Structure formats: structure tokens, C-alpha cells
Amino acid sequence: IQSLGGAASLLKGWTVTTKLRTNGSSTANRQFDNYYFSPAGKQLRSMKQVAFFLGLIDKGPSKEDRLKAAAAKRLTKDAAGHKRGNDAPASSSHGDDRLSEAGKASENGAA
């Protein structure tokens, strides 16, 4: 919080609870979640949410906006690939030679 320009006093009255996730049975892969509670009792799940709650950062783009941006980036990348001719299937010159040799052989009556 302080690295974002917030004063340490902003955290007065806040509490953190750490809970073990219950979705796995393996003791080797235990995972824990931190829950942050404001003095008023509001539960937040990350320090990013705490910073937003305190007005220290903007929330950022919505999930929908992030998905649209990613799709636009893919389309731009695909279009650039097509301009360079990268979308053409790879072909072997050996295949063409063999076909023409087979055609010549059949024309000459060879099997």
C-alpha cells in the first residue's frame, strides 16, 4: 500500500485471515488464500482489491475489454501473417517432380 503512495495509517483497523483451500486432498499441494477485511467488515480477496478500495489505483480495464483487446491483437497478427504469405501450405518440390515423372511414364505405356 505504501509503495502506491498510501500512508501506513490507511491500514489501521484492517485484518487478514488466511484459510486453507478445501478443494484438494494432497498435502503436498496445499494452497492458502488471504482475505482482507476493512474496519467496516468489507471482505476483499487481494491486495490489488484493497488498493482499489482505498482509491490508490484505478480498477483497470474490464474483463470484456481485455478479451476484445486480445482478439484484436490476434486478428492483427493473423493479418500480418497473411500479407507475408505465411498462410500458404508448405509444399515439397519432390512431390511435383514425382507426379510429372509418373505422368510421363504412363504416357509412354510404362506401369
PDB file of N, CA and C in Angstrom:
ATOM      1  N   ILE A   1       0.844  -1.191   0.000  1.00  0.00           N
ATOM      2  CA  ILE A   1       0.000   0.000   0.000  1.00  0.00           C
ATOM      3  C   ILE A   1       0.886   1.250   0.000  1.00  0.00           C
ATOM      4  N   GLN A   2       1.934   1.213   0.812  1.00  0.00           N
ATOM      5  CA  GLN A   2       2.821   2.368   0.881  1.00  0.00           C
ATOM      6  C   GLN A   2       3.558   2.571  -0.436  1.00  0.00           C
ATOM      7  N   SER A   3       3.867   1.490  -1.159  1.00  0.00           N
ATOM      8  CA  SER A   3       4.554   1.631  -2.442  1.00  0.00           C
ATOM      9  C   SER A   3       3.668   2.312  -3.479  1.00  0.00           C
ATOM     10  N   LEU A   4       2.361   2.353  -3.243  1.00  0.00           N
ATOM     11  CA  LEU A   4       1.430   3.025  -4.141  1.00  0.00           C
ATOM     12  C   LEU A   4       1.121   4.451  -3.700  1.00  0.00           C
ATOM     13  N   GLY A   5       1.817   4.905  -2.668  1.00  0.00           N
ATOM     14  CA  GLY A   5       1.622   6.266  -2.196  1.00  0.00           C
ATOM     15  C   GLY A   5       0.669   6.389  -1.026  1.00  0.00           C
ATOM     16  N   GLY A   6       0.190   5.275  -0.518  1.00  0.00           N
ATOM     17  CA  GLY A   6      -0.722   5.302   0.615  1.00  0.00           C
ATOM     18  C   GLY A   6       0.039   5.345   1.927  1.00  0.00           C
ATOM     19  N   ALA A   7      -0.554   5.973   2.904  1.00  0.00           N
ATOM     20  CA  ALA A   7       0.062   6.054   4.229  1.00  0.00           C
ATOM     21  C   ALA A   7      -0.222   4.772   5.004  1.00  0.00           C
ATOM     22  N   ALA A   8       0.702   4.401   5.862  1.00  0.00           N
ATOM     23  CA  ALA A   8       0.531   3.205   6.691  1.00  0.00           C
ATOM     24  C   ALA A   8      -0.726   3.307   7.546  1.00  0.00           C
ATOM     25  N   SER A   9      -1.130   4.525   7.864  1.00  0.00           N
ATOM     26  CA  SER A   9      -2.320   4.712   8.700  1.00  0.00           C
ATOM     27  C   SER A   9      -3.601   4.263   7.994  1.00  0.00           C
ATOM     28  N   LEU A  10      -3.559   4.142   6.644  1.00  0.00           N
ATOM     29  CA  LEU A  10      -4.735   3.659   5.911  1.00  0.00           C
ATOM     30  C   LEU A  10      -5.096   2.228   6.302  1.00  0.00           C
ATOM     31  N   LEU A  11      -4.121   1.489   6.795  1.00  0.00           N
ATOM     32  CA  LEU A  11      -4.349   0.090   7.130  1.00  0.00           C
ATOM     33  C   LEU A  11      -4.784  -0.124   8.575  1.00  0.00           C
ATOM     34  N   LYS A  12      -4.925   0.969   9.311  1.00  0.00           N
ATOM     35  CA  LYS A  12      -5.348   0.851  10.702  1.00  0.00           C
ATOM     36  C   LYS A  12      -6.751   0.237  10.759  1.00  0.00           C
ATOM     37  N   GLY A  13      -6.887  -0.821  11.542  1.00  0.00           N
ATOM     38  CA  GLY A  13      -8.183  -1.475  11.705  1.00  0.00           C
ATOM     39  C   GLY A  13      -8.435  -2.603  10.717  1.00  0.00           C
ATOM     40  N   TRP A  14      -7.572  -2.777   9.729  1.00  0.00           N
ATOM     41  CA  TRP A  14      -7.717  -3.861   8.767  1.00  0.00           C
ATOM     42  C   TRP A  14      -7.224  -5.160   9.383  1.00  0.00           C
ATOM     43  N   THR A  15      -7.826  -6.282   8.986  1.00  0.00           N
ATOM     44  CA  THR A  15      -7.366  -7.590   9.431  1.00  0.00           C
ATOM     45  C   THR A  15      -7.194  -8.504   8.217  1.00  0.00           C
ATOM     46  N   VAL A  16      -6.355  -9.512   8.390  1.00  0.00           N
ATOM     47  CA  VAL A  16      -6.115 -10.503   7.333  1.00  0.00           C
ATOM     48  C   VAL A  16      -6.366 -11.884   7.922  1.00  0.00           C
ATOM     49  N   THR A  17      -7.117 -12.695   7.187  1.00  0.00           N
ATOM     50  CA  THR A  17      -7.360 -14.067   7.579  1.00  0.00           C
ATOM     51  C   THR A  17      -6.822 -14.966   6.478  1.00  0.00           C
ATOM     52  N   THR A  18      -6.062 -15.983   6.852  1.00  0.00           N
ATOM     53  CA  THR A  18      -5.525 -16.947   5.893  1.00  0.00           C
ATOM     54  C   THR A  18      -6.268 -18.261   6.072  1.00  0.00           C
ATOM     55  N   LYS A  19      -6.795 -18.782   4.957  1.00  0.00           N
ATOM     56  CA  LYS A  19      -7.568 -20.031   5.009  1.00  0.00           C
ATOM     57  C   LYS A  19      -6.979 -21.042   4.041  1.00  0.00           C
ATOM     58  N   LEU A  20      -6.977 -22.302   4.469  1.00  0.00           N
ATOM     59  CA  LEU A  20      -6.548 -23.403   3.627  1.00  0.00           C
ATOM     60  C   LEU A  20      -7.655 -23.721   2.638  1.00  0.00           C
ATOM     61  N   ARG A  21      -7.286 -23.844   1.357  1.00  0.00           N
ATOM     62  CA  ARG A  21      -8.283 -24.239   0.362  1.00  0.00           C
ATOM     63  C   ARG A  21      -8.706 -25.677   0.618  1.00  0.00           C
ATOM     64  N   THR A  22      -9.978 -25.946   0.402  1.00  0.00           N
ATOM     65  CA  THR A  22     -10.503 -27.281   0.700  1.00  0.00           C
ATOM     66  C   THR A  22     -10.737 -28.101  -0.559  1.00  0.00           C
ATOM     67  N   ASN A  23     -10.309 -27.633  -1.724  1.00  0.00           N
ATOM     68  CA  ASN A  23     -10.609 -28.337  -2.972  1.00  0.00           C
ATOM     69  C   ASN A  23      -9.589 -29.407  -3.332  1.00  0.00           C
ATOM     70  N   GLY A  24      -8.611 -29.675  -2.503  1.00  0.00           N
ATOM     71  CA  GLY A  24      -7.631 -30.701  -2.805  1.00  0.00           C
ATOM     72  C   GLY A  24      -7.325 -31.541  -1.590  1.00  0.00           C
ATOM     73  N   SER A  25      -6.973 -32.784  -1.831  1.00  0.00           N
ATOM     74  CA  SER A  25      -6.695 -33.664  -0.706  1.00  0.00           C
ATOM     75  C   SER A  25      -5.196 -33.874  -0.502  1.00  0.00           C
ATOM     76  N   SER A  26      -4.390 -33.460  -1.471  1.00  0.00           N
ATOM     77  CA  SER A  26      -2.954 -33.680  -1.384  1.00  0.00           C
ATOM     78  C   SER A  26      -2.318 -32.709  -0.399  1.00  0.00           C
ATOM     79  N   THR A  27      -1.559 -33.248   0.519  1.00  0.00           N
ATOM     80  CA  THR A  27      -0.887 -32.373   1.484  1.00  0.00           C
ATOM     81  C   THR A  27       0.296 -31.663   0.856  1.00  0.00           C
ATOM     82  N   ALA A  28       0.836 -32.214  -0.232  1.00  0.00           N
ATOM     83  CA  ALA A  28       1.984 -31.592  -0.896  1.00  0.00           C
ATOM     84  C   ALA A  28       1.572 -30.348  -1.675  1.00  0.00           C
ATOM     85  N   ASN A  29       0.330 -30.279  -2.092  1.00  0.00           N
ATOM     86  CA  ASN A  29      -0.133 -29.161  -2.920  1.00  0.00           C
ATOM     87  C   ASN A  29      -1.116 -28.260  -2.195  1.00  0.00           C
ATOM     88  N   ARG A  30      -0.928 -28.097  -0.927  1.00  0.00           N
ATOM     89  CA  ARG A  30      -1.835 -27.225  -0.165  1.00  0.00           C
ATOM     90  C   ARG A  30      -1.716 -25.793  -0.654  1.00  0.00           C
ATOM     91  N   GLN A  31      -2.862 -25.149  -0.757  1.00  0.00           N
ATOM     92  CA  GLN A  31      -2.876 -23.752  -1.162  1.00  0.00           C
ATOM     93  C   GLN A  31      -3.680 -22.961  -0.148  1.00  0.00           C
ATOM     94  N   PHE A  32      -3.229 -21.742   0.065  1.00  0.00           N
ATOM     95  CA  PHE A  32      -3.861 -20.870   1.046  1.00  0.00           C
ATOM     96  C   PHE A  32      -4.359 -19.601   0.367  1.00  0.00           C
ATOM     97  N   ASP A  33      -5.414 -19.049   0.888  1.00  0.00           N
ATOM     98  CA  ASP A  33      -5.966 -17.790   0.402  1.00  0.00           C
ATOM     99  C   ASP A  33      -5.983 -16.790   1.544  1.00  0.00           C
ATOM    100  N   ASN A  34      -5.616 -15.546   1.222  1.00  0.00           N
ATOM    101  CA  ASN A  34      -5.707 -14.447   2.187  1.00  0.00           C
ATOM    102  C   ASN A  34      -6.997 -13.676   1.925  1.00  0.00           C
ATOM    103  N   TYR A  35      -7.682 -13.340   2.980  1.00  0.00           N
ATOM    104  CA  TYR A  35      -8.870 -12.497   2.902  1.00  0.00           C
ATOM    105  C   TYR A  35      -8.607 -11.265   3.748  1.00  0.00           C
ATOM    106  N   TYR A  36      -8.817 -10.100   3.152  1.00  0.00           N
ATOM    107  CA  TYR A  36      -8.552  -8.827   3.812  1.00  0.00           C
ATOM    108  C   TYR A  36      -9.887  -8.216   4.204  1.00  0.00           C
ATOM    109  N   PHE A  37      -9.982  -7.763   5.450  1.00  0.00           N
ATOM    110  CA  PHE A  37     -11.223  -7.181   5.957  1.00  0.00           C
ATOM    111  C   PHE A  37     -10.986  -5.741   6.365  1.00  0.00           C
ATOM    112  N   SER A  38     -11.810  -4.845   5.804  1.00  0.00           N
ATOM    113  CA  SER A  38     -11.722  -3.430   6.162  1.00  0.00           C
ATOM    114  C   SER A  38     -12.256  -3.244   7.571  1.00  0.00           C
ATOM    115  N   PRO A  39     -12.005  -2.083   8.172  1.00  0.00           N
ATOM    116  CA  PRO A  39     -12.560  -1.821   9.504  1.00  0.00           C
ATOM    117  C   PRO A  39     -14.093  -1.920   9.534  1.00  0.00           C
ATOM    118  N   ALA A  40     -14.742  -1.681   8.386  1.00  0.00           N
ATOM    119  CA  ALA A  40     -16.200  -1.768   8.313  1.00  0.00           C
ATOM    120  C   ALA A  40     -16.690  -3.192   8.043  1.00  0.00           C
ATOM    121  N   GLY A  41     -15.741  -4.133   7.832  1.00  0.00           N
ATOM    122  CA  GLY A  41     -16.126  -5.517   7.616  1.00  0.00           C
ATOM    123  C   GLY A  41     -16.188  -5.956   6.162  1.00  0.00           C
ATOM    124  N   LYS A  42     -15.824  -5.078   5.237  1.00  0.00           N
ATOM    125  CA  LYS A  42     -15.832  -5.429   3.814  1.00  0.00           C
ATOM    126  C   LYS A  42     -14.710  -6.430   3.537  1.00  0.00           C
ATOM    127  N   GLN A  43     -15.049  -7.578   2.909  1.00  0.00           N
ATOM    128  CA  GLN A  43     -14.062  -8.608   2.592  1.00  0.00           C
ATOM    129  C   GLN A  43     -13.521  -8.398   1.190  1.00  0.00           C
ATOM    130  N   LEU A  44     -12.194  -8.416   1.069  1.00  0.00           N
ATOM    131  CA  LEU A  44     -11.521  -8.298  -0.222  1.00  0.00           C
ATOM    132  C   LEU A  44     -10.559  -9.468  -0.354  1.00  0.00           C
ATOM    133  N   ARG A  45     -10.312  -9.902  -1.602  1.00  0.00           N
ATOM    134  CA  ARG A  45      -9.531 -11.120  -1.811  1.00  0.00           C
ATOM    135  C   ARG A  45      -8.091 -10.887  -2.244  1.00  0.00           C
ATOM    136  N   SER A  46      -7.696  -9.666  -2.512  1.00  0.00           N
ATOM    137  CA  SER A  46      -6.321  -9.426  -2.943  1.00  0.00           C
ATOM    138  C   SER A  46      -5.872  -8.035  -2.523  1.00  0.00           C
ATOM    139  N   MET A  47      -4.562  -7.855  -2.512  1.00  0.00           N
ATOM    140  CA  MET A  47      -4.026  -6.523  -2.200  1.00  0.00           C
ATOM    141  C   MET A  47      -4.407  -5.525  -3.295  1.00  0.00           C
ATOM    142  N   LYS A  48      -4.551  -6.008  -4.528  1.00  0.00           N
ATOM    143  CA  LYS A  48      -4.989  -5.133  -5.613  1.00  0.00           C
ATOM    144  C   LYS A  48      -6.390  -4.597  -5.316  1.00  0.00           C
ATOM    145  N   GLN A  49      -7.278  -5.462  -4.821  1.00  0.00           N
ATOM    146  CA  GLN A  49      -8.622  -5.018  -4.467  1.00  0.00           C
ATOM    147  C   GLN A  49      -8.579  -4.031  -3.302  1.00  0.00           C
ATOM    148  N   VAL A  50      -7.673  -4.270  -2.352  1.00  0.00           N
ATOM    149  CA  VAL A  50      -7.526  -3.347  -1.215  1.00  0.00           C
ATOM    150  C   VAL A  50      -7.076  -1.982  -1.727  1.00  0.00           C
ATOM    151  N   ALA A  51      -6.068  -1.967  -2.615  1.00  0.00           N
ATOM    152  CA  ALA A  51      -5.561  -0.706  -3.156  1.00  0.00           C
ATOM    153  C   ALA A  51      -6.656   0.037  -3.920  1.00  0.00           C
ATOM    154  N   PHE A  52      -7.461  -0.694  -4.688  1.00  0.00           N
ATOM    155  CA  PHE A  52      -8.571  -0.062  -5.408  1.00  0.00           C
ATOM    156  C   PHE A  52      -9.603   0.483  -4.427  1.00  0.00           C
ATOM    157  N   PHE A  53      -9.930  -0.311  -3.415  1.00  0.00           N
ATOM    158  CA  PHE A  53     -10.900   0.089  -2.397  1.00  0.00           C
ATOM    159  C   PHE A  53     -10.462   1.385  -1.707  1.00  0.00           C
ATOM    160  N   LEU A  54      -9.146   1.510  -1.482  1.00  0.00           N
ATOM    161  CA  LEU A  54      -8.611   2.703  -0.820  1.00  0.00           C
ATOM    162  C   LEU A  54      -8.400   3.873  -1.779  1.00  0.00           C
ATOM    163  N   GLY A  55      -8.679   3.664  -3.059  1.00  0.00           N
ATOM    164  CA  GLY A  55      -8.545   4.735  -4.044  1.00  0.00           C
ATOM    165  C   GLY A  55      -7.121   4.990  -4.497  1.00  0.00           C
ATOM    166  N   LEU A  56      -6.237   4.014  -4.314  1.00  0.00           N
ATOM    167  CA  LEU A  56      -4.836   4.200  -4.681  1.00  0.00           C
ATOM    168  C   LEU A  56      -4.546   3.824  -6.125  1.00  0.00           C
ATOM    169  N   ILE A  57      -5.399   3.014  -6.737  1.00  0.00           N
ATOM    170  CA  ILE A  57      -5.231   2.634  -8.140  1.00  0.00           C
ATOM    171  C   ILE A  57      -6.583   2.633  -8.828  1.00  0.00           C
ATOM    172  N   ASP A  58      -6.539   2.731 -10.167  1.00  0.00           N
ATOM    173  CA  ASP A  58      -7.743   2.559 -10.965  1.00  0.00           C
ATOM    174  C   ASP A  58      -8.014   1.068 -11.091  1.00  0.00           C
ATOM    175  N   LYS A  59      -9.238   0.719 -11.295  1.00  0.00           N
ATOM    176  CA  LYS A  59      -9.585  -0.695 -11.410  1.00  0.00           C
ATOM    177  C   LYS A  59      -8.967  -1.308 -12.659  1.00  0.00           C
ATOM    178  N   GLY A  60      -8.801  -0.528 -13.713  1.00  0.00           N
ATOM    179  CA  GLY A  60      -8.245  -1.069 -14.952  1.00  0.00           C
ATOM    180  C   GLY A  60      -9.354  -1.520 -15.874  1.00  0.00           C
ATOM    181  N   PRO A  61      -8.976  -2.077 -17.019  1.00  0.00           N
ATOM    182  CA  PRO A  61      -9.987  -2.484 -17.996  1.00  0.00           C
ATOM    183  C   PRO A  61     -10.809  -3.669 -17.496  1.00  0.00           C
ATOM    184  N   SER A  62     -12.055  -3.719 -17.946  1.00  0.00           N
ATOM    185  CA  SER A  62     -12.925  -4.830 -17.565  1.00  0.00           C
ATOM    186  C   SER A  62     -12.482  -6.095 -18.287  1.00  0.00           C
ATOM    187  N   LYS A  63     -12.987  -7.219 -17.852  1.00  0.00           N
ATOM    188  CA  LYS A  63     -12.649  -8.496 -18.487  1.00  0.00           C
ATOM    189  C   LYS A  63     -13.063  -8.465 -19.956  1.00  0.00           C
ATOM    190  N   GLU A  64     -14.224  -7.891 -20.236  1.00  0.00           N
ATOM    191  CA  GLU A  64     -14.710  -7.797 -21.613  1.00  0.00           C
ATOM    192  C   GLU A  64     -13.747  -6.972 -22.467  1.00  0.00           C
ATOM    193  N   ASP A  65     -13.263  -5.855 -21.929  1.00  0.00           N
ATOM    194  CA  ASP A  65     -12.318  -5.015 -22.665  1.00  0.00           C
ATOM    195  C   ASP A  65     -10.995  -5.749 -22.905  1.00  0.00           C
ATOM    196  N   ARG A  66     -10.533  -6.509 -21.908  1.00  0.00           N
ATOM    197  CA  ARG A  66      -9.289  -7.269 -22.078  1.00  0.00           C
ATOM    198  C   ARG A  66      -9.446  -8.334 -23.152  1.00  0.00           C
ATOM    199  N   LEU A  67     -10.611  -9.013 -23.188  1.00  0.00           N
ATOM    200  CA  LEU A  67     -10.860 -10.041 -24.202  1.00  0.00           C
ATOM    201  C   LEU A  67     -10.930  -9.432 -25.601  1.00  0.00           C
ATOM    202  N   LYS A  68     -11.575  -8.267 -25.726  1.00  0.00           N
ATOM    203  CA  LYS A  68     -11.655  -7.591 -27.018  1.00  0.00           C
ATOM    204  C   LYS A  68     -10.269  -7.182 -27.503  1.00  0.00           C
ATOM    205  N   ALA A  69      -9.446  -6.682 -26.603  1.00  0.00           N
ATOM    206  CA  ALA A  69      -8.092  -6.268 -26.967  1.00  0.00           C
ATOM    207  C   ALA A  69      -7.268  -7.468 -27.411  1.00  0.00           C
ATOM    208  N   ALA A  70      -7.411  -8.589 -26.721  1.00  0.00           N
ATOM    209  CA  ALA A  70      -6.663  -9.796 -27.095  1.00  0.00           C
ATOM    210  C   ALA A  70      -7.111 -10.305 -28.464  1.00  0.00           C
ATOM    211  N   ALA A  71      -8.420 -10.257 -28.729  1.00  0.00           N
ATOM    212  CA  ALA A  71      -8.931 -10.705 -30.030  1.00  0.00           C
ATOM    213  C   ALA A  71      -8.430  -9.793 -31.143  1.00  0.00           C
ATOM    214  N   ALA A  72      -8.422  -8.495 -30.900  1.00  0.00           N
ATOM    215  CA  ALA A  72      -7.930  -7.551 -31.905  1.00  0.00           C
ATOM    216  C   ALA A  72      -6.446  -7.791 -32.172  1.00  0.00           C
ATOM    217  N   LYS A  73      -5.692  -8.092 -31.144  1.00  0.00           N
ATOM    218  CA  LYS A  73      -4.261  -8.360 -31.306  1.00  0.00           C
ATOM    219  C   LYS A  73      -4.054  -9.611 -32.155  1.00  0.00           C
ATOM    220  N   ARG A  74      -4.864 -10.663 -31.906  1.00  0.00           N
ATOM    221  CA  ARG A  74      -4.751 -11.886 -32.701  1.00  0.00           C
ATOM    222  C   ARG A  74      -5.094 -11.623 -34.164  1.00  0.00           C
ATOM    223  N   LEU A  75      -6.146 -10.841 -34.406  1.00  0.00           N
ATOM    224  CA  LEU A  75      -6.541 -10.529 -35.780  1.00  0.00           C
ATOM    225  C   LEU A  75      -5.443  -9.763 -36.499  1.00  0.00           C
ATOM    226  N   THR A  76      -4.822  -8.812 -35.817  1.00  0.00           N
ATOM    227  CA  THR A  76      -3.738  -8.042 -36.404  1.00  0.00           C
ATOM    228  C   THR A  76      -2.562  -8.950 -36.736  1.00  0.00           C
ATOM    229  N   LYS A  77      -2.249  -9.855 -35.820  1.00  0.00           N
ATOM    230  CA  LYS A  77      -1.143 -10.791 -36.027  1.00  0.00           C
ATOM    231  C   LYS A  77      -1.455 -11.714 -37.202  1.00  0.00           C
ATOM    232  N   ASP A  78      -2.687 -12.233 -37.268  1.00  0.00           N
ATOM    233  CA  ASP A  78      -3.082 -13.112 -38.370  1.00  0.00           C
ATOM    234  C   ASP A  78      -3.022 -12.377 -39.701  1.00  0.00           C
ATOM    235  N   ALA A  79      -3.502 -11.138 -39.738  1.00  0.00           N
ATOM    236  CA  ALA A  79      -3.486 -10.360 -40.974  1.00  0.00           C
ATOM    237  C   ALA A  79      -2.054 -10.111 -41.430  1.00  0.00           C
ATOM    238  N   ALA A  80      -1.167  -9.844 -40.520  1.00  0.00           N
ATOM    239  CA  ALA A  80       0.238  -9.622 -40.876  1.00  0.00           C
ATOM    240  C   ALA A  80       0.842 -10.896 -41.445  1.00  0.00           C
ATOM    241  N   GLY A  81       0.466 -12.040 -40.909  1.00  0.00           N
ATOM    242  CA  GLY A  81       0.962 -13.316 -41.417  1.00  0.00           C
ATOM    243  C   GLY A  81       0.476 -13.593 -42.824  1.00  0.00           C
ATOM    244  N   HIS A  82      -0.765 -13.240 -43.128  1.00  0.00           N
ATOM    245  CA  HIS A  82      -1.316 -13.450 -44.456  1.00  0.00           C
ATOM    246  C   HIS A  82      -0.634 -12.558 -45.481  1.00  0.00           C
ATOM    247  N   LYS A  83      -0.291 -11.343 -45.117  1.00  0.00           N
ATOM    248  CA  LYS A  83       0.370 -10.427 -46.038  1.00  0.00           C
ATOM    249  C   LYS A  83       1.740 -10.946 -46.451  1.00  0.00           C
ATOM    250  N   ARG A  84       2.414 -11.637 -45.526  1.00  0.00           N
ATOM    251  CA  ARG A  84       3.734 -12.170 -45.830  1.00  0.00           C
ATOM    252  C   ARG A  84       3.649 -13.492 -46.576  1.00  0.00           C
ATOM    253  N   GLY A  85       2.446 -14.040 -46.715  1.00  0.00           N
ATOM    254  CA  GLY A  85       2.287 -15.306 -47.393  1.00  0.00           C
ATOM    255  C   GLY A  85       2.506 -16.495 -46.492  1.00  0.00           C
ATOM    256  N   ASN A  86       2.462 -16.291 -45.196  1.00  0.00           N
ATOM    257  CA  ASN A  86       2.699 -17.378 -44.260  1.00  0.00           C
ATOM    258  C   ASN A  86       1.517 -18.331 -44.152  1.00  0.00           C
ATOM    259  N   ASP A  87       0.416 -18.000 -44.787  1.00  0.00           N
ATOM    260  CA  ASP A  87      -0.751 -18.857 -44.669  1.00  0.00           C
ATOM    261  C   ASP A  87      -0.784 -19.941 -45.742  1.00  0.00           C
ATOM    262  N   ALA A  88       0.124 -19.897 -46.707  1.00  0.00           N
ATOM    263  CA  ALA A  88       0.140 -20.904 -47.761  1.00  0.00           C
ATOM    264  C   ALA A  88       0.662 -22.215 -47.194  1.00  0.00           C
ATOM    265  N   PRO A  89       0.046 -23.328 -47.577  1.00  0.00           N
ATOM    266  CA  PRO A  89       0.531 -24.602 -47.060  1.00  0.00           C
ATOM    267  C   PRO A  89       1.915 -24.912 -47.607  1.00  0.00           C
ATOM    268  N   ALA A  90       2.692 -25.569 -46.790  1.00  0.00           N
ATOM    269  CA  ALA A  90       4.036 -25.933 -47.227  1.00  0.00           C
ATOM    270  C   ALA A  90       3.922 -27.044 -48.247  1.00  0.00           C
ATOM    271  N   SER A  91       4.685 -26.922 -49.354  1.00  0.00           N
ATOM    272  CA  SER A  91       4.660 -27.969 -50.369  1.00  0.00           C
ATOM    273  C   SER A  91       6.077 -28.389 -50.666  1.00  0.00           C
ATOM    274  N   SER A  92       6.200 -29.569 -51.164  1.00  0.00           N
ATOM    275  CA  SER A  92       7.509 -30.115 -51.481  1.00  0.00           C
ATOM    276  C   SER A  92       7.669 -30.161 -52.989  1.00  0.00           C
ATOM    277  N   SER A  93       8.777 -29.709 -53.475  1.00  0.00           N
ATOM    278  CA  SER A  93       9.010 -29.769 -54.915  1.00  0.00           C
ATOM    279  C   SER A  93       9.176 -31.211 -55.360  1.00  0.00           C
ATOM    280  N   HIS A  94       9.551 -32.100 -54.435  1.00  0.00           N
ATOM    281  CA  HIS A  94       9.720 -33.502 -54.788  1.00  0.00           C
ATOM    282  C   HIS A  94       8.397 -34.112 -55.215  1.00  0.00           C
ATOM    283  N   GLY A  95       7.321 -33.736 -54.578  1.00  0.00           N
ATOM    284  CA  GLY A  95       6.011 -34.276 -54.919  1.00  0.00           C
ATOM    285  C   GLY A  95       5.624 -33.927 -56.338  1.00  0.00           C
ATOM    286  N   ASP A  96       5.900 -32.697 -56.761  1.00  0.00           N
ATOM    287  CA  ASP A  96       5.575 -32.262 -58.118  1.00  0.00           C
ATOM    288  C   ASP A  96       6.405 -33.038 -59.132  1.00  0.00           C
ATOM    289  N   ASP A  97       7.687 -33.245 -58.845  1.00  0.00           N
ATOM    290  CA  ASP A  97       8.570 -33.977 -59.755  1.00  0.00           C
ATOM    291  C   ASP A  97       8.090 -35.408 -59.916  1.00  0.00           C
ATOM    292  N   ARG A  98       7.701 -36.027 -58.823  1.00  0.00           N
ATOM    293  CA  ARG A  98       7.258 -37.409 -58.890  1.00  0.00           C
ATOM    294  C   ARG A  98       5.977 -37.534 -59.698  1.00  0.00           C
ATOM    295  N   LEU A  99       5.081 -36.557 -59.542  1.00  0.00           N
ATOM    296  CA  LEU A  99       3.831 -36.603 -60.299  1.00  0.00           C
ATOM    297  C   LEU A  99       4.105 -36.462 -61.789  1.00  0.00           C
ATOM    298  N   SER A 100       4.975 -35.550 -62.142  1.00  0.00           N
ATOM    299  CA  SER A 100       5.242 -35.368 -63.565  1.00  0.00           C
ATOM    300  C   SER A 100       5.975 -36.570 -64.136  1.00  0.00           C
ATOM    301  N   GLU A 101       6.858 -37.216 -63.362  1.00  0.00           N
ATOM    302  CA  GLU A 101       7.542 -38.420 -63.833  1.00  0.00           C
ATOM    303  C   GLU A 101       6.550 -39.558 -63.995  1.00  0.00           C
ATOM    304  N   ALA A 102       5.591 -39.676 -63.058  1.00  0.00           N
ATOM    305  CA  ALA A 102       4.579 -40.724 -63.157  1.00  0.00           C
ATOM    306  C   ALA A 102       3.709 -40.496 -64.383  1.00  0.00           C
ATOM    307  N   GLY A 103       3.398 -39.249 -64.662  1.00  0.00           N
ATOM    308  CA  GLY A 103       2.588 -38.918 -65.832  1.00  0.00           C
ATOM    309  C   GLY A 103       3.314 -39.268 -67.108  1.00  0.00           C
ATOM    310  N   LYS A 104       4.603 -38.979 -67.172  1.00  0.00           N
ATOM    311  CA  LYS A 104       5.401 -39.298 -68.353  1.00  0.00           C
ATOM    312  C   LYS A 104       5.472 -40.812 -68.551  1.00  0.00           C
ATOM    313  N   ALA A 105       5.618 -41.536 -67.454  1.00  0.00           N
ATOM    314  CA  ALA A 105       5.724 -42.984 -67.534  1.00  0.00           C
ATOM    315  C   ALA A 105       4.431 -43.586 -68.059  1.00  0.00           C
ATOM    316  N   SER A 106       3.279 -43.064 -67.595  1.00  0.00           N
ATOM    317  CA  SER A 106       2.010 -43.609 -68.057  1.00  0.00           C
ATOM    318  C   SER A 106       1.760 -43.249 -69.516  1.00  0.00           C
ATOM    319  N   GLU A 107       2.255 -42.108 -69.956  1.00  0.00           N
ATOM    320  CA  GLU A 107       2.107 -41.717 -71.360  1.00  0.00           C
ATOM    321  C   GLU A 107       2.941 -42.636 -72.244  1.00  0.00           C
ATOM    322  N   ASN A 108       4.076 -43.092 -71.730  1.00  0.00           N
ATOM    323  CA  ASN A 108       4.956 -43.950 -72.529  1.00  0.00           C
ATOM    324  C   ASN A 108       4.550 -45.418 -72.437  1.00  0.00           C
ATOM    325  N   GLY A 109       3.481 -45.691 -71.702  1.00  0.00           N
ATOM    326  CA  GLY A 109       2.989 -47.050 -71.576  1.00  0.00           C
ATOM    327  C   GLY A 109       3.635 -47.844 -70.476  1.00  0.00           C
ATOM    328  N   ALA A 110       4.448 -47.225 -69.660  1.00  0.00           N
ATOM    329  CA  ALA A 110       5.088 -47.945 -68.555  1.00  0.00           C
ATOM    330  C   ALA A 110       4.117 -48.011 -67.389  1.00  0.00           C
ATOM    331  N   ALA A 111       4.229 -49.045 -66.572  1.00  0.00           N
ATOM    332  CA  ALA A 111       3.322 -49.221 -65.451  1.00  0.00           C
ATOM    333  C   ALA A 111       3.920 -48.677 -64.197  1.00  0.00           C
TER     334      ALA A 111
END
